[in-house]
Amino acid sequence: MTSLGADYRRIWFGNASSNLADGVTFIAIPLLAVTLTDNPLAVSGLAIAHSAPRVLSVLGIGVLIDRYDRRRLLFLANFSRAAVFALLAALVMTDAAPLVALYAVYAVMGVIETLSDSAASAVLPQAVEPRGLDRANSQIAGTQTVVDEFVGPPLGGLLFAAAAFAPSALTAVAFLVAGLAYWRLRGSYTVPLTDRTAASHGVLSSIREGAAWTWRHRLVRLLVIIGALACVAYMIPFSYLALYATKELGLSPAGYGFLLSFSALGGLLGAFVAARLRRWLGYGWTIVAALSVGAMSFIAISLTTNVVVVAVALAAYIAHAVVWNVMAASVRQKATPAAMMGRVGSMSRLLSLTGLGVGAALGGLLASGVGFLIPFAVAGGLFAVAAVVCAVRIRLFRAWEAEQAPVAAEAG
């Protein structure tokens, strides 16, 4: 098995460090919000505050990524995130962090996170050859699972129990380390001027060009639509998960963190089998299988409040999410020209972020109106619809893979 290269290792490390920060934040900020309010809509509103600025900025960010040095954008974004969380840690330490401050942090971080994630996705296929993308995406997804869900949540819960400002302080350090890793990239991550069509148009024209390309490519278009539907389904229960765990399951903050960390075991399994499943089943059937597992996981949770069953079902859900993300990312990265990577990625993120906002609103409303269990069933039904749609279009996946085979053979 050949090495993926030194710059890939720097990208991997930067992702690992920033995902540790995300994992700590994922539990620490909602727990901090729960100390300020017990209103499900107010807590789920944090997700909306995080998603709305991303929706408004993502298309412009896609143009930015196709015009400027992606390496520079990456390290500046992570240094900026470090500064934001250092400020939040200071506010919490001095008891000057009301709920509105958490909303503000989530809004600012939404824009910066979109820039960082979009640039990282565009950089990877420039650093890794196409035949290595499945493995690279699987390794990054596996590491993300460990630090974002296995290490981060319990660490965030324990730090929050010790001192409310500690998670934000650690997050600031982790983002600083990520920025240094991206700063050390040595390859060229600016699209050649001859390929930079985005640079010769206005911003709106460049956005329209990216949207038109995404719509014309039938497989990329399908994955963008399915990704948006999956985001709605994901966010319906996850928007109020902290309340569900503490009120319905009776878990402490540390217990909630360990529940999420247990689910990372499923993510490790997903990262381990993703590339193997693709070789056995192809991209299409692997995606159908993953979405089906996501549906069954949420439906199982809707039928019980047994903590063990919930933990196993969440692990299965995270396994599905990792496999889906690896497959969708690899297909999009292989199918999209380098000069269009930022704008095509921004179209995908726009629909996904819109889905997250819709899911958060639905989750808060459903949890307030019908309780904490039924929304899981609704989310499971949406995943089932996504699986059926992909199964119906399986010939589209097969045709694209047949087109890729000669290219892969030549590269190999």
Protein backbone atom coordinates (compact mmCIF):
# COMPACT_ATOMS: atom_id res chain seq x y z
CA MET A 1 0.00 0.00 0.00
CA THR A 2 1.62 3.24 -1.18
CA SER A 3 1.99 6.34 0.96
CA LEU A 4 -0.49 9.15 0.36
CA GLY A 5 2.23 11.77 0.79
CA ALA A 6 3.55 14.30 3.31
CA ASP A 7 0.98 16.97 2.50
CA TYR A 8 -1.80 14.42 3.01
CA ARG A 9 -0.42 13.73 6.49
CA ARG A 10 -0.51 17.46 7.26
CA ILE A 11 -4.11 17.64 6.00
CA TRP A 12 -4.96 14.59 8.10
CA PHE A 13 -3.41 16.14 11.22
CA GLY A 14 -5.15 19.49 10.64
CA ASN A 15 -8.47 17.68 10.27
CA ALA A 16 -7.82 15.63 13.41
CA SER A 17 -7.04 18.69 15.53
CA SER A 18 -10.00 20.73 14.28
CA ASN A 19 -12.32 17.75 14.73
CA LEU A 20 -11.19 17.39 18.33
CA ALA A 21 -12.26 20.99 18.82
CA ASP A 22 -15.59 20.23 17.13
CA GLY A 23 -16.16 17.20 19.36
CA VAL A 24 -15.55 19.17 22.54
CA THR A 25 -17.77 22.01 21.33
CA PHE A 26 -20.56 19.67 20.25
CA ILE A 27 -21.28 18.77 23.85
CA ALA A 28 -19.91 21.77 25.76
CA ILE A 29 -21.92 24.54 24.08
CA PRO A 30 -25.32 22.77 24.36
CA LEU A 31 -24.55 21.88 27.98
CA LEU A 32 -23.72 25.51 28.65
CA ALA A 33 -27.00 26.47 26.99
CA VAL A 34 -28.93 23.97 29.16
CA THR A 35 -27.61 25.77 32.26
CA LEU A 36 -29.19 28.96 30.91
CA THR A 37 -32.55 27.60 29.66
CA ASP A 38 -34.63 24.41 29.58
CA ASN A 39 -36.68 25.47 26.55
CA PRO A 40 -36.23 22.92 23.69
CA LEU A 41 -36.76 25.61 21.05
CA ALA A 42 -34.10 27.84 22.62
CA VAL A 43 -31.57 24.99 22.71
CA SER A 44 -32.35 23.78 19.17
CA GLY A 45 -32.12 27.42 18.08
CA LEU A 46 -28.35 27.19 18.51
CA ALA A 47 -28.26 24.86 15.51
CA ILE A 48 -30.26 27.39 13.50
CA ALA A 49 -27.89 30.19 14.55
CA HIS A 50 -25.02 28.02 13.35
CA SER A 51 -26.65 27.06 10.04
CA ALA A 52 -28.26 30.33 8.88
CA PRO A 53 -24.99 32.33 8.38
CA ARG A 54 -23.50 29.33 6.59
CA VAL A 55 -26.43 29.27 4.18
CA LEU A 56 -26.00 32.97 3.44
CA SER A 57 -22.22 32.79 2.91
CA VAL A 58 -21.57 29.37 1.36
CA LEU A 59 -21.97 30.29 -2.32
CA GLY A 60 -19.61 33.25 -2.06
CA ILE A 61 -17.13 31.06 -0.18
CA GLY A 62 -17.22 28.56 -3.05
CA VAL A 63 -16.15 31.29 -5.49
CA LEU A 64 -13.43 32.41 -3.05
CA ILE A 65 -11.99 28.90 -2.91
CA ASP A 66 -11.84 28.64 -6.70
CA ARG A 67 -10.05 32.01 -6.98
CA TYR A 68 -7.50 32.09 -4.16
CA ASP A 69 -4.84 29.98 -2.47
CA ARG A 70 -6.73 27.22 -0.66
CA ARG A 71 -3.83 26.58 1.73
CA ARG A 72 -3.85 30.21 2.91
CA LEU A 73 -7.62 30.15 3.38
CA LEU A 74 -7.31 27.00 5.50
CA PHE A 75 -4.77 28.23 8.01
CA LEU A 76 -6.31 31.69 8.32
CA ALA A 77 -9.76 30.16 8.99
CA ASN A 78 -8.41 27.97 11.78
CA PHE A 79 -6.39 30.76 13.39
CA SER A 80 -9.60 32.83 13.37
CA ARG A 81 -11.55 30.04 15.07
CA ALA A 82 -8.88 29.84 17.75
CA ALA A 83 -9.31 33.56 18.47
CA VAL A 84 -13.12 33.28 18.70
CA PHE A 85 -13.02 30.45 21.25
CA ALA A 86 -10.30 32.15 23.29
CA LEU A 87 -12.69 35.09 23.61
CA LEU A 88 -15.57 32.79 24.57
CA ALA A 89 -13.44 31.11 27.25
CA ALA A 90 -12.70 34.52 28.73
CA LEU A 91 -16.40 35.45 28.75
CA VAL A 92 -17.42 32.20 30.44
CA MET A 93 -14.62 32.50 32.99
CA THR A 94 -15.92 35.94 34.00
CA ASP A 95 -19.60 34.85 34.01
CA ALA A 96 -20.29 37.24 31.11
CA ALA A 97 -21.61 34.69 28.59
CA PRO A 98 -25.43 34.89 28.34
CA LEU A 99 -27.38 32.79 25.85
CA VAL A 100 -27.14 35.55 23.26
CA ALA A 101 -23.33 35.24 23.40
CA LEU A 102 -23.59 31.54 22.52
CA TYR A 103 -25.82 32.41 19.58
CA ALA A 104 -23.26 34.99 18.40
CA VAL A 105 -20.38 32.52 18.66
CA TYR A 106 -22.33 29.91 16.74
CA ALA A 107 -23.16 32.43 14.01
CA VAL A 108 -19.56 33.60 13.55
CA MET A 109 -18.22 30.07 13.72
CA GLY A 110 -20.72 28.98 11.10
CA VAL A 111 -19.15 31.21 8.46
CA ILE A 112 -15.55 30.37 9.39
CA GLU A 113 -16.30 26.65 9.61
CA THR A 114 -17.85 26.72 6.14
CA LEU A 115 -14.71 28.31 4.73
CA SER A 116 -12.43 25.81 6.47
CA ASP A 117 -14.46 22.72 5.57
CA SER A 118 -14.92 23.80 1.94
CA ALA A 119 -11.22 24.55 1.51
CA ALA A 120 -10.20 21.23 3.11
CA SER A 121 -12.50 19.31 0.76
CA ALA A 122 -11.06 21.14 -2.26
CA VAL A 123 -7.44 20.68 -1.14
CA LEU A 124 -7.59 16.90 -0.64
CA PRO A 125 -7.99 15.86 -4.32
CA GLN A 126 -5.09 18.20 -5.16
CA ALA A 127 -2.86 16.46 -2.59
CA VAL A 128 -3.95 12.85 -3.26
CA GLU A 129 -4.21 11.00 -6.56
CA PRO A 130 -7.72 9.80 -7.56
CA ARG A 131 -6.97 6.13 -6.82
CA GLY A 132 -6.08 7.07 -3.23
CA LEU A 133 -9.17 9.18 -2.47
CA ASP A 134 -11.30 6.34 -1.04
CA ARG A 135 -8.50 5.43 1.38
CA ALA A 136 -7.74 9.07 2.25
CA ASN A 137 -11.39 9.90 2.89
CA SER A 138 -11.81 6.71 4.97
CA GLN A 139 -8.77 7.51 7.11
CA ILE A 140 -9.90 11.09 7.66
CA ALA A 141 -13.43 9.90 8.47
CA GLY A 142 -12.12 7.28 10.89
CA THR A 143 -9.93 9.80 12.67
CA GLN A 144 -12.80 12.28 12.75
CA THR A 145 -14.97 9.62 14.37
CA VAL A 146 -12.40 8.95 17.08
CA VAL A 147 -11.59 12.55 18.03
CA ASP A 148 -14.94 14.16 17.19
CA GLU A 149 -17.14 11.58 18.89
CA PHE A 150 -15.03 9.23 21.03
CA VAL A 151 -12.48 11.61 22.54
CA GLY A 152 -14.17 15.00 22.19
CA PRO A 153 -17.59 14.49 23.82
CA PRO A 154 -16.45 12.80 27.06
CA LEU A 155 -13.52 15.17 27.29
CA GLY A 156 -15.88 18.10 26.77
CA GLY A 157 -18.29 16.76 29.39
CA LEU A 158 -15.55 16.17 31.95
CA LEU A 159 -13.96 19.56 31.32
CA PHE A 160 -17.36 21.26 31.58
CA ALA A 161 -18.00 19.51 34.91
CA ALA A 162 -14.63 20.76 36.16
CA ALA A 163 -14.89 24.34 34.85
CA ALA A 164 -17.36 25.77 32.37
CA PHE A 165 -14.68 27.79 30.54
CA ALA A 166 -12.25 24.85 30.10
CA PRO A 167 -13.82 23.32 26.93
CA SER A 168 -13.64 26.64 25.08
CA ALA A 169 -10.01 27.11 26.13
CA LEU A 170 -9.05 23.65 24.85
CA THR A 171 -10.96 24.28 21.63
CA ALA A 172 -8.96 27.47 21.02
CA VAL A 173 -5.69 25.54 21.38
CA ALA A 174 -6.87 22.74 19.07
CA PHE A 175 -7.83 25.19 16.30
CA LEU A 176 -4.46 26.92 16.68
CA VAL A 177 -2.67 23.59 16.18
CA ALA A 178 -4.84 22.84 13.12
CA GLY A 179 -3.94 26.19 11.61
CA LEU A 180 -0.23 25.46 12.07
CA ALA A 181 -0.64 22.08 10.33
CA TYR A 182 -2.29 23.68 7.29
CA TRP A 183 0.29 26.47 7.29
CA ARG A 184 2.99 23.80 6.78
CA LEU A 185 1.46 22.49 3.52
CA ARG A 186 4.10 22.67 0.80
CA GLY A 187 2.19 21.85 -2.40
CA SER A 188 0.53 24.28 -4.78
CA TYR A 189 -3.12 24.74 -3.87
CA THR A 190 -4.09 27.56 -6.20
CA VAL A 191 -5.97 26.57 -9.35
CA PRO A 192 -3.82 27.39 -12.42
CA LEU A 193 -4.81 30.69 -14.02
CA THR A 194 -5.68 28.96 -17.30
CA ASP A 195 -8.25 26.79 -15.47
CA ARG A 196 -9.62 29.50 -13.18
CA THR A 197 -12.86 30.31 -14.95
CA ALA A 198 -14.20 31.79 -11.71
CA ALA A 199 -11.57 34.52 -11.88
CA SER A 200 -12.78 35.80 -15.25
CA HIS A 201 -16.41 36.32 -14.21
CA GLY A 202 -18.27 38.30 -11.62
CA VAL A 203 -19.25 36.57 -8.41
CA LEU A 204 -22.84 35.95 -9.49
CA SER A 205 -21.76 34.62 -12.89
CA SER A 206 -19.28 32.28 -11.20
CA ILE A 207 -21.98 31.03 -8.83
CA ARG A 208 -24.35 30.40 -11.75
CA GLU A 209 -21.61 28.51 -13.58
CA GLY A 210 -21.08 26.22 -10.56
CA ALA A 211 -24.82 25.69 -10.15
CA ALA A 212 -25.25 24.84 -13.84
CA TRP A 213 -22.41 22.31 -13.76
CA THR A 214 -23.82 20.66 -10.64
CA TRP A 215 -27.29 20.39 -12.15
CA ARG A 216 -26.03 18.98 -15.46
CA HIS A 217 -24.00 16.19 -13.82
CA ARG A 218 -26.77 13.74 -12.98
CA LEU A 219 -24.86 11.72 -10.37
CA VAL A 220 -23.48 14.74 -8.51
CA ARG A 221 -26.97 16.28 -8.62
CA LEU A 222 -28.46 13.12 -7.09
CA LEU A 223 -25.88 13.04 -4.30
CA VAL A 224 -26.44 16.73 -3.52
CA ILE A 225 -30.20 16.18 -3.19
CA ILE A 226 -29.82 13.02 -1.08
CA GLY A 227 -27.28 14.81 1.12
CA ALA A 228 -29.76 17.59 1.81
CA LEU A 229 -32.51 15.12 2.71
CA ALA A 230 -30.13 13.23 5.00
CA CYS A 231 -29.23 16.51 6.75
CA VAL A 232 -32.90 17.19 7.51
CA ALA A 233 -33.25 13.67 8.95
CA TYR A 234 -30.04 13.93 10.98
CA MET A 235 -30.83 17.26 12.58
CA ILE A 236 -34.41 16.47 13.62
CA PRO A 237 -33.31 14.44 16.69
CA PHE A 238 -29.77 15.80 17.07
CA SER A 239 -31.04 19.37 17.50
CA TYR A 240 -32.41 18.47 20.94
CA LEU A 241 -30.23 15.43 21.72
CA ALA A 242 -28.76 16.98 24.87
CA LEU A 243 -32.25 17.46 26.32
CA TYR A 244 -33.29 13.96 25.20
CA ALA A 245 -30.29 12.41 26.94
CA THR A 246 -30.64 14.36 30.18
CA LYS A 247 -34.47 14.46 30.47
CA GLU A 248 -35.67 11.27 28.76
CA LEU A 249 -32.72 8.94 29.46
CA GLY A 250 -31.75 10.57 32.78
CA LEU A 251 -28.05 10.88 31.95
CA SER A 252 -25.63 13.29 33.59
CA PRO A 253 -23.50 15.59 31.39
CA ALA A 254 -20.60 13.13 31.60
CA GLY A 255 -22.99 10.25 30.85
CA TYR A 256 -24.26 12.08 27.78
CA GLY A 257 -20.66 12.49 26.61
CA PHE A 258 -19.94 8.79 27.09
CA LEU A 259 -23.12 7.87 25.22
CA LEU A 260 -21.87 9.82 22.21
CA SER A 261 -18.37 8.40 22.58
CA PHE A 262 -19.74 4.84 22.47
CA SER A 263 -21.35 5.64 19.14
CA ALA A 264 -17.84 6.31 17.79
CA LEU A 265 -17.26 2.55 17.80
CA GLY A 266 -19.75 2.36 14.96
CA GLY A 267 -17.91 5.14 13.19
CA LEU A 268 -14.65 3.21 13.39
CA LEU A 269 -16.38 0.22 11.85
CA GLY A 270 -17.79 2.43 9.10
CA ALA A 271 -14.36 3.88 8.30
CA PHE A 272 -12.85 0.38 8.26
CA VAL A 273 -15.42 -1.13 5.87
CA ALA A 274 -16.22 1.87 3.61
CA ALA A 275 -13.54 1.28 0.94
CA ARG A 276 -13.99 -2.49 1.18
CA LEU A 277 -17.75 -2.25 0.67
CA ARG A 278 -17.17 -0.03 -2.34
CA ARG A 279 -14.91 -2.67 -3.90
CA TRP A 280 -17.49 -5.41 -3.26
CA LEU A 281 -20.74 -3.59 -4.00
CA GLY A 282 -19.80 -0.48 -5.95
CA TYR A 283 -20.60 3.07 -4.92
CA GLY A 284 -24.35 2.81 -5.54
CA TRP A 285 -25.27 -0.24 -3.47
CA THR A 286 -22.87 0.81 -0.72
CA ILE A 287 -24.74 4.12 -0.42
CA VAL A 288 -28.13 2.33 -0.46
CA ALA A 289 -26.98 -0.03 2.31
CA ALA A 290 -25.63 2.84 4.42
CA LEU A 291 -28.81 4.90 4.18
CA SER A 292 -30.90 1.83 5.07
CA VAL A 293 -28.85 1.33 8.24
CA GLY A 294 -29.41 5.00 9.14
CA ALA A 295 -33.18 4.53 8.77
CA MET A 296 -33.29 1.41 10.95
CA SER A 297 -31.12 3.03 13.63
CA PHE A 298 -33.42 6.01 14.22
CA ILE A 299 -36.57 3.89 14.05
CA ALA A 300 -35.11 1.59 16.73
CA ILE A 301 -34.43 4.56 19.03
CA SER A 302 -38.02 5.77 18.58
CA LEU A 303 -39.29 2.50 20.08
CA THR A 304 -37.40 2.45 23.38
CA THR A 305 -35.74 4.46 26.16
CA ASN A 306 -33.35 1.66 27.10
CA VAL A 307 -29.93 3.28 27.27
CA VAL A 308 -28.11 0.18 25.95
CA VAL A 309 -30.39 -0.12 22.90
CA VAL A 310 -30.09 3.61 22.24
CA ALA A 311 -26.28 3.43 22.47
CA VAL A 312 -26.08 0.51 20.01
CA ALA A 313 -28.50 2.21 17.61
CA LEU A 314 -26.50 5.44 17.72
CA ALA A 315 -23.35 3.45 16.97
CA ALA A 316 -25.07 1.92 13.94
CA TYR A 317 -26.20 5.38 12.87
CA ILE A 318 -22.66 6.79 13.04
CA ALA A 319 -21.38 3.78 11.04
CA HIS A 320 -23.88 4.60 8.30
CA ALA A 321 -22.92 8.29 8.36
CA VAL A 322 -19.22 7.56 7.90
CA VAL A 323 -19.80 5.18 4.98
CA TRP A 324 -22.20 7.62 3.30
CA ASN A 325 -19.82 10.57 3.73
CA VAL A 326 -16.82 8.66 2.37
CA MET A 327 -18.73 7.45 -0.69
CA ALA A 328 -20.37 10.80 -1.47
CA ALA A 329 -17.13 12.75 -0.99
CA SER A 330 -15.07 10.40 -3.17
CA VAL A 331 -17.61 10.46 -6.01
CA ARG A 332 -17.87 14.25 -5.94
CA GLN A 333 -14.09 14.74 -5.76
CA LYS A 334 -13.47 12.35 -8.67
CA ALA A 335 -16.26 13.76 -10.82
CA THR A 336 -15.61 17.48 -10.29
CA PRO A 337 -12.84 19.43 -12.12
CA ALA A 338 -10.33 21.11 -9.80
CA ALA A 339 -11.32 24.57 -11.04
CA MET A 340 -14.97 23.91 -10.07
CA MET A 341 -14.34 22.15 -6.74
CA GLY A 342 -15.15 25.13 -4.54
CA ARG A 343 -18.36 26.13 -6.30
CA VAL A 344 -19.71 22.58 -6.72
CA GLY A 345 -18.92 21.90 -3.07
CA SER A 346 -20.68 25.13 -2.11
CA MET A 347 -23.84 24.07 -3.95
CA SER A 348 -23.82 20.79 -2.03
CA ARG A 349 -23.24 22.59 1.26
CA LEU A 350 -25.96 25.13 0.54
CA LEU A 351 -28.62 22.43 0.27
CA SER A 352 -27.14 20.47 3.17
CA LEU A 353 -27.04 23.51 5.43
CA THR A 354 -30.58 24.41 4.46
CA GLY A 355 -31.51 20.87 5.42
CA LEU A 356 -29.80 21.25 8.79
CA GLY A 357 -31.77 24.42 9.48
CA VAL A 358 -35.05 22.82 8.45
CA GLY A 359 -34.26 19.74 10.52
CA ALA A 360 -33.38 21.80 13.59
CA ALA A 361 -36.65 23.73 13.36
CA LEU A 362 -38.66 20.53 12.85
CA GLY A 363 -36.82 18.84 15.71
CA GLY A 364 -37.58 21.63 18.16
CA LEU A 365 -41.23 21.83 17.11
CA LEU A 366 -41.78 18.06 17.17
CA ALA A 367 -40.00 17.60 20.51
CA SER A 368 -42.08 20.38 22.05
CA GLY A 369 -45.35 19.06 20.58
CA VAL A 370 -45.18 15.25 20.58
CA GLY A 371 -42.26 14.38 22.86
CA PHE A 372 -38.72 13.18 22.32
CA LEU A 373 -39.32 9.77 20.66
CA ILE A 374 -41.57 10.35 17.64
CA PRO A 375 -39.09 12.71 15.91
CA PHE A 376 -36.63 9.80 15.70
CA ALA A 377 -39.24 7.81 13.74
CA VAL A 378 -39.83 10.74 11.40
CA ALA A 379 -36.08 11.02 10.76
CA GLY A 380 -35.83 7.28 10.15
CA GLY A 381 -38.59 7.52 7.56
CA LEU A 382 -36.68 10.23 5.68
CA PHE A 383 -33.56 8.07 5.55
CA ALA A 384 -35.68 5.22 4.18
CA VAL A 385 -36.94 7.50 1.40
CA ALA A 386 -33.34 8.46 0.54
CA ALA A 387 -32.32 4.79 0.34
CA VAL A 388 -35.20 3.97 -1.99
CA VAL A 389 -34.39 6.90 -4.30
CA CYS A 390 -30.75 5.77 -4.62
CA ALA A 391 -31.82 2.18 -5.25
CA VAL A 392 -34.12 3.29 -8.06
CA ARG A 393 -31.21 5.22 -9.66
CA ILE A 394 -28.63 2.45 -9.26
CA ARG A 395 -27.98 2.32 -13.02
CA LEU A 396 -26.72 5.89 -12.85
CA PHE A 397 -24.01 4.84 -10.38
CA ARG A 398 -23.08 1.83 -12.52
CA ALA A 399 -22.77 3.92 -15.68
CA TRP A 400 -20.50 6.46 -13.94
CA GLU A 401 -18.30 3.73 -12.46
CA ALA A 402 -17.98 2.13 -15.92
CA GLU A 403 -16.76 5.46 -17.26
CA GLN A 404 -14.22 5.73 -14.44
CA ALA A 405 -12.78 2.22 -14.91
CA PRO A 406 -10.47 3.02 -17.87
CA VAL A 407 -9.20 6.15 -16.09
CA ALA A 408 -8.49 4.17 -12.91
CA ALA A 409 -6.72 1.44 -14.87
CA GLU A 410 -4.49 3.99 -16.62
CA ALA A 411 -3.68 5.74 -13.33
CA GLY A 412 -2.90 2.41 -11.68
